[in-house]
Amino acid sequence: MVTLEEVSQLLYGAGKEVPGWQGTQDELIALAENVFPGKAFCVVKQWILIDLTVTPAEKEKLTGLGLLPATLFAHEIVLDSQSRFQPSMWVRSNFGVSSSPYMFETNKTVYLLLGPGLRKEASIGAAFSMKAG
């Protein structure tokens, strides 16, 4: 069972600072459109890259499905290319499929990491306990 303390630490506790994209939003979008043409994107700020603590068996299962043991949480959406999310909302992604210093890709969306963020570890239960609605 996930505790309130675990979720609180994940959202507001300390983590390793990560720089993210330092250029303009338009430059980051252009880069993403070049690397992932036609793929939906979501520009986010105040983001947390979450490395999931998994067992070797869970890691093997995820890897076998082409997934990373990682997800992304962002306190603030800046722009969603498909208008699924409104600016200033928060978002938590599904499992990642690829990651780079400025982008976190899932099966359906590339999250563009604008400005500084954090990298943290959390259990699958804590990371996926946050649901909209």
N, C-alpha and C. Protein backbone atom coordinates (compact mmCIF):
# COMPACT_ATOMS: atom_id res chain seq x y z
N MET A 1 0.84 -1.19 0.00
CA MET A 1 0.00 0.00 0.00
C MET A 1 0.88 1.24 0.00
N VAL A 2 0.54 2.18 -0.83
CA VAL A 2 1.29 3.42 -0.96
C VAL A 2 0.86 4.38 0.14
N THR A 3 1.83 5.01 0.79
CA THR A 3 1.51 5.95 1.85
C THR A 3 1.50 7.38 1.32
N LEU A 4 0.83 8.24 2.04
CA LEU A 4 0.81 9.66 1.71
C LEU A 4 2.22 10.23 1.75
N GLU A 5 3.03 9.76 2.68
CA GLU A 5 4.43 10.21 2.79
C GLU A 5 5.22 9.90 1.52
N GLU A 6 5.03 8.69 0.95
CA GLU A 6 5.72 8.31 -0.29
C GLU A 6 5.36 9.25 -1.44
N VAL A 7 4.08 9.50 -1.60
CA VAL A 7 3.61 10.36 -2.69
C VAL A 7 4.08 11.79 -2.46
N SER A 8 4.02 12.26 -1.21
CA SER A 8 4.48 13.61 -0.88
C SER A 8 5.96 13.78 -1.19
N GLN A 9 6.77 12.79 -0.82
CA GLN A 9 8.22 12.86 -1.11
C GLN A 9 8.46 12.86 -2.62
N LEU A 10 7.69 12.07 -3.34
CA LEU A 10 7.85 12.03 -4.79
C LEU A 10 7.52 13.38 -5.41
N LEU A 11 6.46 13.99 -5.00
CA LEU A 11 6.04 15.26 -5.59
C LEU A 11 6.85 16.46 -5.10
N TYR A 12 7.21 16.47 -3.82
CA TYR A 12 7.78 17.69 -3.24
C TYR A 12 9.12 17.51 -2.55
N GLY A 13 9.61 16.28 -2.45
CA GLY A 13 10.89 16.02 -1.80
C GLY A 13 12.07 16.35 -2.70
N ALA A 14 13.26 16.22 -2.14
CA ALA A 14 14.49 16.51 -2.87
C ALA A 14 14.73 15.44 -3.93
N GLY A 15 15.48 15.82 -4.93
CA GLY A 15 15.88 14.90 -6.00
C GLY A 15 17.14 15.44 -6.65
N LYS A 16 17.64 14.71 -7.62
CA LYS A 16 18.82 15.15 -8.36
C LYS A 16 18.39 16.17 -9.41
N GLU A 17 18.99 17.36 -9.37
CA GLU A 17 18.63 18.39 -10.33
C GLU A 17 19.12 18.02 -11.72
N VAL A 18 18.26 18.24 -12.72
CA VAL A 18 18.56 17.95 -14.11
C VAL A 18 18.25 19.22 -14.91
N PRO A 19 19.16 19.65 -15.81
CA PRO A 19 18.97 20.95 -16.46
C PRO A 19 17.78 21.08 -17.41
N GLY A 20 17.45 20.09 -18.22
CA GLY A 20 16.38 20.26 -19.21
C GLY A 20 16.78 21.26 -20.29
N TRP A 21 15.84 21.59 -21.16
CA TRP A 21 16.07 22.49 -22.29
C TRP A 21 16.19 23.94 -21.80
N GLN A 22 17.27 24.60 -22.22
CA GLN A 22 17.50 25.98 -21.78
C GLN A 22 17.21 27.01 -22.88
N GLY A 23 16.95 26.54 -24.11
CA GLY A 23 16.62 27.45 -25.21
C GLY A 23 15.15 27.85 -25.17
N THR A 24 14.65 28.30 -26.32
CA THR A 24 13.25 28.73 -26.37
C THR A 24 12.32 27.53 -26.57
N GLN A 25 11.08 27.72 -26.23
CA GLN A 25 10.07 26.69 -26.43
C GLN A 25 9.96 26.33 -27.91
N ASP A 26 9.97 27.33 -28.79
CA ASP A 26 9.86 27.08 -30.22
C ASP A 26 11.03 26.25 -30.74
N GLU A 27 12.23 26.49 -30.25
CA GLU A 27 13.40 25.69 -30.65
C GLU A 27 13.24 24.24 -30.22
N LEU A 28 12.73 24.03 -29.02
CA LEU A 28 12.53 22.67 -28.51
C LEU A 28 11.47 21.94 -29.33
N ILE A 29 10.40 22.62 -29.66
CA ILE A 29 9.34 22.01 -30.49
C ILE A 29 9.89 21.65 -31.86
N ALA A 30 10.67 22.54 -32.46
CA ALA A 30 11.26 22.26 -33.78
C ALA A 30 12.18 21.04 -33.71
N LEU A 31 12.96 20.93 -32.65
CA LEU A 31 13.83 19.77 -32.47
C LEU A 31 13.01 18.49 -32.37
N ALA A 32 11.95 18.52 -31.58
CA ALA A 32 11.09 17.34 -31.41
C ALA A 32 10.42 16.95 -32.73
N GLU A 33 9.96 17.93 -33.48
CA GLU A 33 9.31 17.63 -34.76
C GLU A 33 10.30 17.03 -35.75
N ASN A 34 11.57 17.39 -35.63
CA ASN A 34 12.61 16.82 -36.48
C ASN A 34 12.92 15.37 -36.07
N VAL A 35 13.02 15.12 -34.76
CA VAL A 35 13.37 13.79 -34.25
C VAL A 35 12.17 12.83 -34.29
N PHE A 36 10.97 13.35 -34.00
CA PHE A 36 9.75 12.53 -33.95
C PHE A 36 8.67 13.14 -34.84
N PRO A 37 8.88 13.14 -36.16
CA PRO A 37 7.90 13.79 -37.05
C PRO A 37 6.50 13.20 -36.91
N GLY A 38 5.53 14.09 -36.75
CA GLY A 38 4.13 13.67 -36.68
C GLY A 38 3.67 13.12 -35.34
N LYS A 39 4.57 12.96 -34.38
CA LYS A 39 4.18 12.41 -33.08
C LYS A 39 3.65 13.53 -32.18
N ALA A 40 2.61 13.23 -31.42
CA ALA A 40 2.06 14.19 -30.48
C ALA A 40 3.12 14.58 -29.46
N PHE A 41 3.11 15.85 -29.04
CA PHE A 41 4.06 16.30 -28.03
C PHE A 41 3.35 17.13 -26.97
N CYS A 42 4.01 17.21 -25.83
CA CYS A 42 3.50 17.97 -24.70
C CYS A 42 4.69 18.68 -24.05
N VAL A 43 4.69 20.00 -24.08
CA VAL A 43 5.76 20.79 -23.45
C VAL A 43 5.42 20.92 -21.96
N VAL A 44 6.38 20.56 -21.11
CA VAL A 44 6.13 20.60 -19.66
C VAL A 44 7.24 21.35 -18.93
N LYS A 45 6.88 21.90 -17.77
CA LYS A 45 7.83 22.56 -16.87
C LYS A 45 7.67 21.95 -15.47
N GLN A 46 8.64 22.21 -14.61
CA GLN A 46 8.61 21.69 -13.24
C GLN A 46 8.37 20.19 -13.26
N TRP A 47 9.20 19.49 -13.99
CA TRP A 47 9.02 18.07 -14.25
C TRP A 47 9.91 17.21 -13.35
N ILE A 48 9.48 15.96 -13.20
CA ILE A 48 10.21 14.96 -12.41
C ILE A 48 10.32 13.69 -13.25
N LEU A 49 11.52 13.32 -13.59
CA LEU A 49 11.77 12.03 -14.24
C LEU A 49 11.84 10.99 -13.14
N ILE A 50 11.00 9.99 -13.20
CA ILE A 50 10.89 9.00 -12.13
C ILE A 50 11.46 7.66 -12.58
N ASP A 51 12.57 7.28 -11.97
CA ASP A 51 13.13 5.95 -12.19
C ASP A 51 12.38 5.00 -11.24
N LEU A 52 11.72 4.02 -11.81
CA LEU A 52 10.89 3.12 -11.01
C LEU A 52 11.74 2.02 -10.39
N THR A 53 11.54 1.79 -9.10
CA THR A 53 12.22 0.69 -8.42
C THR A 53 11.43 -0.58 -8.71
N VAL A 54 12.04 -1.46 -9.48
CA VAL A 54 11.38 -2.69 -9.89
C VAL A 54 12.26 -3.89 -9.59
N THR A 55 11.65 -5.03 -9.50
CA THR A 55 12.40 -6.27 -9.31
C THR A 55 13.04 -6.65 -10.65
N PRO A 56 14.04 -7.54 -10.62
CA PRO A 56 14.62 -8.00 -11.89
C PRO A 56 13.55 -8.61 -12.83
N ALA A 57 12.59 -9.33 -12.28
CA ALA A 57 11.54 -9.93 -13.10
C ALA A 57 10.66 -8.85 -13.74
N GLU A 58 10.31 -7.82 -12.96
CA GLU A 58 9.50 -6.71 -13.50
C GLU A 58 10.26 -5.96 -14.59
N LYS A 59 11.57 -5.75 -14.35
CA LYS A 59 12.39 -5.06 -15.35
C LYS A 59 12.44 -5.86 -16.64
N GLU A 60 12.62 -7.17 -16.53
CA GLU A 60 12.67 -8.04 -17.70
C GLU A 60 11.36 -8.00 -18.47
N LYS A 61 10.24 -7.99 -17.74
CA LYS A 61 8.93 -7.93 -18.39
C LYS A 61 8.75 -6.61 -19.14
N LEU A 62 9.11 -5.49 -18.48
CA LEU A 62 8.99 -4.19 -19.13
C LEU A 62 9.88 -4.11 -20.36
N THR A 63 11.13 -4.55 -20.21
CA THR A 63 12.08 -4.52 -21.33
C THR A 63 11.55 -5.36 -22.49
N GLY A 64 10.99 -6.51 -22.17
CA GLY A 64 10.41 -7.38 -23.20
C GLY A 64 9.27 -6.72 -23.96
N LEU A 65 8.60 -5.79 -23.32
CA LEU A 65 7.50 -5.04 -23.95
C LEU A 65 8.00 -3.77 -24.62
N GLY A 66 9.32 -3.53 -24.57
CA GLY A 66 9.90 -2.32 -25.17
C GLY A 66 9.71 -1.08 -24.32
N LEU A 67 9.52 -1.27 -23.02
CA LEU A 67 9.27 -0.15 -22.11
C LEU A 67 10.44 0.05 -21.15
N LEU A 68 10.63 1.30 -20.73
CA LEU A 68 11.61 1.64 -19.72
C LEU A 68 10.97 1.55 -18.34
N PRO A 69 11.72 1.21 -17.31
CA PRO A 69 11.18 1.28 -15.95
C PRO A 69 11.24 2.74 -15.47
N ALA A 70 10.51 3.59 -16.17
CA ALA A 70 10.54 5.04 -15.88
C ALA A 70 9.23 5.67 -16.34
N THR A 71 8.88 6.76 -15.69
CA THR A 71 7.72 7.55 -16.06
C THR A 71 8.06 9.02 -15.80
N LEU A 72 7.19 9.91 -16.18
CA LEU A 72 7.42 11.34 -16.02
C LEU A 72 6.22 11.97 -15.34
N PHE A 73 6.48 12.85 -14.39
CA PHE A 73 5.42 13.66 -13.79
C PHE A 73 5.79 15.11 -14.03
N ALA A 74 4.84 15.93 -14.42
CA ALA A 74 5.10 17.37 -14.58
C ALA A 74 4.03 18.15 -13.82
N HIS A 75 4.50 19.10 -13.03
CA HIS A 75 3.59 19.96 -12.28
C HIS A 75 2.84 20.93 -13.19
N GLU A 76 3.44 21.22 -14.37
CA GLU A 76 2.82 22.23 -15.23
C GLU A 76 2.95 21.88 -16.71
N ILE A 77 1.82 21.77 -17.37
CA ILE A 77 1.77 21.63 -18.83
C ILE A 77 1.82 23.04 -19.41
N VAL A 78 2.69 23.23 -20.38
CA VAL A 78 2.78 24.52 -21.07
C VAL A 78 1.96 24.48 -22.35
N LEU A 79 2.10 23.40 -23.12
CA LEU A 79 1.41 23.28 -24.40
C LEU A 79 1.27 21.80 -24.76
N ASP A 80 0.08 21.41 -25.17
CA ASP A 80 -0.14 20.05 -25.67
C ASP A 80 -0.55 20.16 -27.13
N SER A 81 0.19 19.50 -28.02
CA SER A 81 -0.05 19.63 -29.46
C SER A 81 -1.42 19.14 -29.89
N GLN A 82 -2.05 18.28 -29.11
CA GLN A 82 -3.37 17.76 -29.48
C GLN A 82 -4.48 18.26 -28.56
N SER A 83 -4.19 19.26 -27.75
CA SER A 83 -5.17 19.88 -26.85
C SER A 83 -5.87 18.87 -25.94
N ARG A 84 -5.16 17.80 -25.55
CA ARG A 84 -5.72 16.83 -24.60
C ARG A 84 -5.69 17.42 -23.19
N PHE A 85 -4.67 18.24 -22.93
CA PHE A 85 -4.48 18.85 -21.61
C PHE A 85 -4.44 20.36 -21.75
N GLN A 86 -4.97 21.05 -20.77
CA GLN A 86 -4.95 22.50 -20.77
C GLN A 86 -3.68 23.01 -20.10
N PRO A 87 -3.18 24.19 -20.54
CA PRO A 87 -2.01 24.77 -19.87
C PRO A 87 -2.27 24.92 -18.37
N SER A 88 -1.22 24.73 -17.61
CA SER A 88 -1.15 24.80 -16.14
C SER A 88 -1.67 23.55 -15.44
N MET A 89 -2.23 22.58 -16.17
CA MET A 89 -2.61 21.30 -15.56
C MET A 89 -1.35 20.50 -15.27
N TRP A 90 -1.47 19.44 -14.47
CA TRP A 90 -0.36 18.53 -14.25
C TRP A 90 -0.59 17.28 -15.10
N VAL A 91 0.49 16.51 -15.29
CA VAL A 91 0.37 15.29 -16.06
C VAL A 91 1.36 14.25 -15.55
N ARG A 92 0.95 12.99 -15.62
CA ARG A 92 1.85 11.87 -15.35
C ARG A 92 1.77 10.96 -16.57
N SER A 93 2.92 10.65 -17.13
CA SER A 93 2.95 9.84 -18.35
C SER A 93 2.77 8.36 -18.04
N ASN A 94 2.66 7.58 -19.09
CA ASN A 94 2.76 6.13 -18.99
C ASN A 94 4.24 5.77 -18.94
N PHE A 95 4.56 4.48 -19.02
CA PHE A 95 5.95 4.05 -19.07
C PHE A 95 6.62 4.66 -20.29
N GLY A 96 7.90 5.01 -20.16
CA GLY A 96 8.65 5.54 -21.28
C GLY A 96 9.09 4.45 -22.24
N VAL A 97 9.40 4.88 -23.48
CA VAL A 97 10.00 3.97 -24.45
C VAL A 97 11.39 4.47 -24.85
N SER A 98 11.64 5.77 -24.66
CA SER A 98 12.98 6.33 -24.87
C SER A 98 13.10 7.62 -24.07
N SER A 99 14.34 8.00 -23.84
CA SER A 99 14.59 9.20 -23.04
C SER A 99 15.88 9.85 -23.51
N SER A 100 15.89 11.17 -23.54
CA SER A 100 17.09 11.94 -23.87
C SER A 100 17.13 13.12 -22.90
N PRO A 101 18.18 13.93 -22.95
CA PRO A 101 18.24 15.03 -21.98
C PRO A 101 17.07 16.01 -22.03
N TYR A 102 16.39 16.14 -23.17
CA TYR A 102 15.32 17.13 -23.28
C TYR A 102 13.96 16.55 -23.62
N MET A 103 13.89 15.23 -23.79
CA MET A 103 12.64 14.61 -24.21
C MET A 103 12.45 13.26 -23.51
N PHE A 104 11.19 12.97 -23.21
CA PHE A 104 10.80 11.69 -22.64
C PHE A 104 9.68 11.16 -23.51
N GLU A 105 9.93 10.04 -24.19
CA GLU A 105 8.96 9.50 -25.13
C GLU A 105 8.19 8.33 -24.54
N THR A 106 6.87 8.35 -24.74
CA THR A 106 6.02 7.21 -24.45
C THR A 106 5.50 6.69 -25.79
N ASN A 107 4.67 5.66 -25.76
CA ASN A 107 4.15 5.12 -27.02
C ASN A 107 3.39 6.16 -27.85
N LYS A 108 2.69 7.07 -27.19
CA LYS A 108 1.83 8.01 -27.92
C LYS A 108 2.31 9.46 -27.91
N THR A 109 3.19 9.83 -26.99
CA THR A 109 3.53 11.24 -26.79
C THR A 109 5.01 11.42 -26.50
N VAL A 110 5.55 12.56 -26.96
CA VAL A 110 6.89 12.96 -26.57
C VAL A 110 6.73 14.16 -25.63
N TYR A 111 7.22 14.01 -24.41
CA TYR A 111 7.17 15.09 -23.43
C TYR A 111 8.46 15.90 -23.58
N LEU A 112 8.30 17.20 -23.79
CA LEU A 112 9.43 18.09 -24.02
C LEU A 112 9.74 18.80 -22.71
N LEU A 113 10.96 18.59 -22.21
CA LEU A 113 11.34 19.00 -20.86
C LEU A 113 11.94 20.40 -20.88
N LEU A 114 11.09 21.39 -20.67
CA LEU A 114 11.48 22.79 -20.73
C LEU A 114 11.98 23.25 -19.36
N GLY A 115 13.20 23.76 -19.33
CA GLY A 115 13.76 24.26 -18.08
C GLY A 115 14.18 23.13 -17.15
N PRO A 116 14.62 23.50 -15.94
CA PRO A 116 15.15 22.50 -15.01
C PRO A 116 14.07 21.59 -14.44
N GLY A 117 14.51 20.40 -14.07
CA GLY A 117 13.62 19.43 -13.45
C GLY A 117 14.39 18.61 -12.44
N LEU A 118 13.78 17.52 -12.00
CA LEU A 118 14.39 16.64 -11.01
C LEU A 118 14.33 15.20 -11.49
N ARG A 119 15.25 14.40 -11.00
CA ARG A 119 15.24 12.95 -11.22
C ARG A 119 15.12 12.30 -9.85
N LYS A 120 14.16 11.37 -9.72
CA LYS A 120 13.91 10.71 -8.44
C LYS A 120 13.62 9.24 -8.68
N GLU A 121 13.68 8.47 -7.60
CA GLU A 121 13.27 7.07 -7.63
C GLU A 121 11.97 6.92 -6.86
N ALA A 122 11.14 6.00 -7.32
CA ALA A 122 9.88 5.73 -6.62
C ALA A 122 9.38 4.35 -7.00
N SER A 123 8.53 3.82 -6.16
CA SER A 123 7.90 2.53 -6.48
C SER A 123 6.87 2.74 -7.58
N ILE A 124 6.54 1.67 -8.27
CA ILE A 124 5.50 1.74 -9.29
C ILE A 124 4.19 2.22 -8.65
N GLY A 125 3.90 1.70 -7.46
CA GLY A 125 2.67 2.08 -6.77
C GLY A 125 2.59 3.57 -6.50
N ALA A 126 3.69 4.17 -6.01
CA ALA A 126 3.69 5.60 -5.71
C ALA A 126 3.58 6.42 -6.99
N ALA A 127 4.35 6.05 -8.01
CA ALA A 127 4.35 6.82 -9.25
C ALA A 127 3.01 6.78 -9.96
N PHE A 128 2.37 5.64 -9.97
CA PHE A 128 1.11 5.51 -10.71
C PHE A 128 -0.12 5.72 -9.83
N SER A 129 0.08 6.15 -8.58
CA SER A 129 -1.07 6.44 -7.71
C SER A 129 -1.71 7.77 -8.07
N MET A 130 -0.99 8.61 -8.79
CA MET A 130 -1.52 9.93 -9.17
C MET A 130 -2.35 9.79 -10.43
N LYS A 131 -3.65 10.05 -10.31
CA LYS A 131 -4.55 9.96 -11.44
C LYS A 131 -5.43 11.20 -11.47
N ALA A 132 -5.64 11.71 -12.68
CA ALA A 132 -6.52 12.87 -12.83
C ALA A 132 -7.96 12.42 -12.68
N GLY A 133 -8.78 13.31 -12.14
CA GLY A 133 -10.21 13.04 -12.09
C GLY A 133 -10.67 12.40 -10.89
